[in-house]
Amino acid sequence: MSSKAFQRWQAASATSTADPAELERLREVAREAGFAAGLEQGLAAGRERVEAQQAADGERLAALLESLAAPLVNLEQELLDSLQTLALALARQVVRGELTAVPARIADLVRAGVAALPATARQITVHLHPEDVDLVRSLARRGRNDARWELLADAGVQRGGCRISTEASEVDLTLDTRLREAYDRLLEVGGA
């Protein structure tokens, strides 16, 4: 064995030789740099959270508005349908009242329908509600000279309307058809 001597290692003294003012300045620079970096990270994280929250809130608001608007669209269509039904029912009542007050109106209607037929029309058949047939009988006797009129009681035709047919053509003056045409004209005028 050799007789080398071992020397024990010892840590250097913990006392600093640096200037205390310089150490304080370095600490302050490090603290400010750490604060600035932390502030920037915090602001970026906050922005991301706010943007994510705003996007989620926007989606919820859009869904809420859509759920509120859908019933209104349905309600608007239901209201329009109800108004149409009411207007047609009211018009039917007015026509019925007019027939009661002035029964000759149905005869005028038949006369106008026959006039709309081609001049060469023969074998004219007038479909009328059973209660309107007697009102029109006198008109049939005063019709076109060459034409033979046939008045046909038809329970499928409402009072106040008629359907006139010949061997080659037909004129539909039923109450429903006339009211529907009037309603369609109103919609065209209202939409224009």
Protein backbone atom coordinates (compact mmCIF):
# COMPACT_ATOMS: atom_id res chain seq x y z
CA MET A 1 0.00 0.00 0.00
CA SER A 2 1.08 3.36 -0.73
CA SER A 3 1.20 5.99 1.78
CA LYS A 4 -0.44 8.75 -0.11
CA ALA A 5 -2.31 11.10 1.96
CA PHE A 6 -5.89 11.91 1.15
CA GLN A 7 -7.14 15.36 1.45
CA ARG A 8 -10.74 15.90 2.23
CA TRP A 9 -12.83 18.13 -0.09
CA GLN A 10 -14.47 21.15 1.41
CA ALA A 11 -17.03 23.46 -0.09
CA ALA A 12 -16.06 27.01 -0.77
CA SER A 13 -17.15 29.62 1.64
CA ALA A 14 -20.79 30.76 1.21
CA THR A 15 -19.92 34.29 1.73
CA SER A 16 -20.23 36.20 -1.50
CA THR A 17 -17.75 38.58 -2.75
CA ALA A 18 -20.27 40.25 -5.11
CA ASP A 19 -21.46 43.75 -4.47
CA PRO A 20 -24.79 43.75 -2.54
CA ALA A 21 -26.17 46.60 -4.69
CA GLU A 22 -25.42 44.60 -7.84
CA LEU A 23 -27.15 41.55 -6.35
CA GLU A 24 -30.22 43.64 -5.52
CA ARG A 25 -30.32 45.06 -9.03
CA LEU A 26 -30.08 41.55 -10.53
CA ARG A 27 -32.87 40.35 -8.24
CA GLU A 28 -35.07 43.28 -9.32
CA VAL A 29 -34.38 42.65 -13.04
CA ALA A 30 -35.19 38.94 -12.60
CA ARG A 31 -38.36 39.75 -10.65
CA GLU A 32 -39.55 42.22 -13.32
CA ALA A 33 -38.75 39.77 -16.13
CA GLY A 34 -40.64 37.02 -14.30
CA PHE A 35 -43.58 39.34 -13.62
CA ALA A 36 -43.73 40.46 -17.28
CA ALA A 37 -43.57 36.87 -18.54
CA GLY A 38 -46.23 35.78 -16.04
CA LEU A 39 -48.43 38.73 -16.93
CA GLU A 40 -48.19 37.97 -20.67
CA GLN A 41 -48.97 34.29 -20.06
CA GLY A 42 -51.89 35.20 -17.81
CA LEU A 43 -53.30 37.67 -20.33
CA ALA A 44 -53.00 35.13 -23.17
CA ALA A 45 -54.68 32.44 -21.08
CA GLY A 46 -57.40 34.91 -20.08
CA ARG A 47 -57.99 35.92 -23.71
CA GLU A 48 -58.30 32.26 -24.73
CA ARG A 49 -60.79 31.60 -21.94
CA VAL A 50 -62.87 34.69 -22.79
CA GLU A 51 -62.89 33.83 -26.52
CA ALA A 52 -63.92 30.24 -25.78
CA GLN A 53 -66.64 31.45 -23.40
CA GLN A 54 -67.89 34.00 -25.93
CA ALA A 55 -68.04 31.34 -28.67
CA ALA A 56 -69.97 28.99 -26.38
CA ASP A 57 -72.30 31.81 -25.30
CA GLY A 58 -72.82 32.81 -28.94
CA GLU A 59 -73.73 29.24 -29.90
CA ARG A 60 -76.16 29.00 -26.98
CA LEU A 61 -77.71 32.36 -27.88
CA ALA A 62 -78.07 31.36 -31.55
CA ALA A 63 -79.72 28.07 -30.54
CA LEU A 64 -82.04 29.93 -28.16
CA LEU A 65 -83.03 32.47 -30.82
CA GLU A 66 -83.63 29.68 -33.33
CA SER A 67 -85.79 27.79 -30.85
CA LEU A 68 -87.78 30.98 -30.21
CA ALA A 69 -88.18 31.79 -33.91
CA ALA A 70 -89.33 28.32 -35.04
CA PRO A 71 -92.68 28.45 -33.21
CA LEU A 72 -93.27 31.96 -34.55
CA VAL A 73 -92.89 30.74 -38.14
CA ASN A 74 -95.34 27.92 -37.42
CA LEU A 75 -97.66 30.32 -35.63
CA GLU A 76 -97.58 32.74 -38.56
CA GLN A 77 -98.53 29.96 -40.99
CA GLU A 78 -101.28 28.73 -38.67
CA LEU A 79 -102.59 32.28 -38.37
CA LEU A 80 -102.62 32.71 -42.16
CA ASP A 81 -104.43 29.38 -42.57
CA SER A 82 -106.98 30.36 -39.93
CA LEU A 83 -107.55 33.75 -41.55
CA GLN A 84 -108.04 32.09 -44.93
CA THR A 85 -110.56 29.65 -43.47
CA LEU A 86 -112.36 32.48 -41.69
CA ALA A 87 -112.44 34.67 -44.81
CA LEU A 88 -113.81 31.83 -46.94
CA ALA A 89 -116.46 30.96 -44.33
CA LEU A 90 -117.45 34.62 -44.07
CA ALA A 91 -117.70 34.91 -47.85
CA ARG A 92 -119.91 31.81 -47.98
CA GLN A 93 -122.24 33.34 -45.40
CA VAL A 94 -122.40 36.60 -47.34
CA VAL A 95 -123.27 34.72 -50.54
CA ARG A 96 -125.95 32.71 -48.74
CA GLY A 97 -127.39 35.91 -47.28
CA GLU A 98 -127.31 37.52 -50.71
CA LEU A 99 -129.21 34.56 -52.19
CA THR A 100 -131.83 34.88 -49.49
CA ALA A 101 -132.17 38.64 -50.02
CA VAL A 102 -131.89 38.59 -53.83
CA PRO A 103 -132.61 35.09 -55.17
CA ALA A 104 -132.15 36.24 -58.78
CA ARG A 105 -128.36 36.41 -58.20
CA ILE A 106 -128.04 32.70 -59.00
CA ALA A 107 -129.90 33.27 -62.27
CA ASP A 108 -127.46 36.08 -63.12
CA LEU A 109 -124.57 33.73 -62.36
CA VAL A 110 -125.98 31.03 -64.66
CA ARG A 111 -126.57 33.61 -67.38
CA ALA A 112 -122.94 34.76 -67.13
CA GLY A 113 -121.69 31.17 -67.20
CA VAL A 114 -123.73 30.30 -70.30
CA ALA A 115 -122.47 33.47 -71.98
CA ALA A 116 -118.90 32.26 -71.36
CA LEU A 117 -119.55 29.08 -73.37
CA PRO A 118 -118.67 28.92 -77.06
CA ALA A 119 -121.48 30.22 -79.30
CA THR A 120 -121.78 26.80 -80.94
CA ALA A 121 -122.44 25.00 -77.64
CA ARG A 122 -125.37 22.59 -77.56
CA GLN A 123 -126.79 20.37 -74.88
CA ILE A 124 -126.09 22.74 -71.99
CA THR A 125 -126.30 21.07 -68.58
CA VAL A 126 -126.46 23.32 -65.55
CA HIS A 127 -125.59 21.61 -62.25
CA LEU A 128 -127.21 23.48 -59.36
CA HIS A 129 -127.92 22.94 -55.70
CA PRO A 130 -131.44 21.42 -55.44
CA GLU A 131 -132.80 24.58 -53.76
CA ASP A 132 -131.49 26.77 -56.60
CA VAL A 133 -133.03 24.78 -59.48
CA ASP A 134 -136.47 26.45 -59.23
CA LEU A 135 -134.89 29.91 -59.16
CA VAL A 136 -133.20 29.26 -62.49
CA ARG A 137 -136.07 27.53 -64.33
CA SER A 138 -137.38 30.81 -65.78
CA LEU A 139 -133.89 31.64 -67.10
CA ALA A 140 -133.67 28.33 -68.98
CA ARG A 141 -136.80 29.16 -70.91
CA ARG A 142 -135.25 32.45 -72.00
CA GLY A 143 -131.89 30.95 -73.02
CA ARG A 144 -130.24 30.62 -76.39
CA ASN A 145 -132.71 29.68 -79.09
CA ASP A 146 -130.79 26.71 -80.45
CA ALA A 147 -129.52 25.37 -77.16
CA ARG A 148 -131.34 22.85 -75.07
CA TRP A 149 -130.85 23.50 -71.39
CA GLU A 150 -131.02 20.84 -68.77
CA LEU A 151 -131.16 21.88 -65.13
CA LEU A 152 -129.73 19.17 -62.95
CA ALA A 153 -130.17 19.15 -59.16
CA ASP A 154 -126.76 18.30 -57.73
CA ALA A 155 -126.34 18.18 -53.93
CA GLY A 156 -122.57 18.33 -54.47
CA VAL A 157 -122.89 21.95 -55.62
CA GLN A 158 -123.28 24.46 -52.80
CA ARG A 159 -126.03 27.04 -52.87
CA GLY A 160 -125.01 30.09 -54.80
CA GLY A 161 -122.85 28.23 -57.29
CA CYS A 162 -123.20 26.19 -60.45
CA ARG A 163 -121.25 24.10 -62.88
CA ILE A 164 -122.22 24.41 -66.55
CA SER A 165 -121.13 21.80 -69.04
CA THR A 166 -121.58 21.06 -72.73
CA GLU A 167 -120.40 18.28 -74.96
CA ALA A 168 -117.03 20.05 -75.35
CA SER A 169 -116.48 22.45 -72.44
CA GLU A 170 -117.24 23.27 -68.83
CA VAL A 171 -117.54 26.44 -66.78
CA ASP A 172 -116.97 25.98 -63.04
CA LEU A 173 -118.77 28.69 -61.10
CA THR A 174 -119.10 26.73 -57.87
CA LEU A 175 -118.90 28.78 -54.73
CA ASP A 176 -115.62 27.19 -53.62
CA THR A 177 -113.97 27.81 -57.00
CA ARG A 178 -115.08 31.44 -57.14
CA LEU A 179 -113.99 32.08 -53.55
CA ARG A 180 -110.62 30.39 -54.15
CA GLU A 181 -110.04 32.50 -57.27
CA ALA A 182 -110.98 35.66 -55.37
CA TYR A 183 -108.65 34.68 -52.52
CA ASP A 184 -105.81 33.96 -54.98
CA ARG A 185 -106.32 37.37 -56.60
CA LEU A 186 -106.15 39.01 -53.17
CA LEU A 187 -102.90 37.20 -52.45
CA GLU A 188 -101.46 38.34 -55.79
CA VAL A 189 -102.45 41.95 -55.11
CA GLY A 190 -101.18 41.75 -51.53
CA GLY A 191 -97.88 40.17 -52.59
CA ALA A 192 -97.21 42.61 -55.43
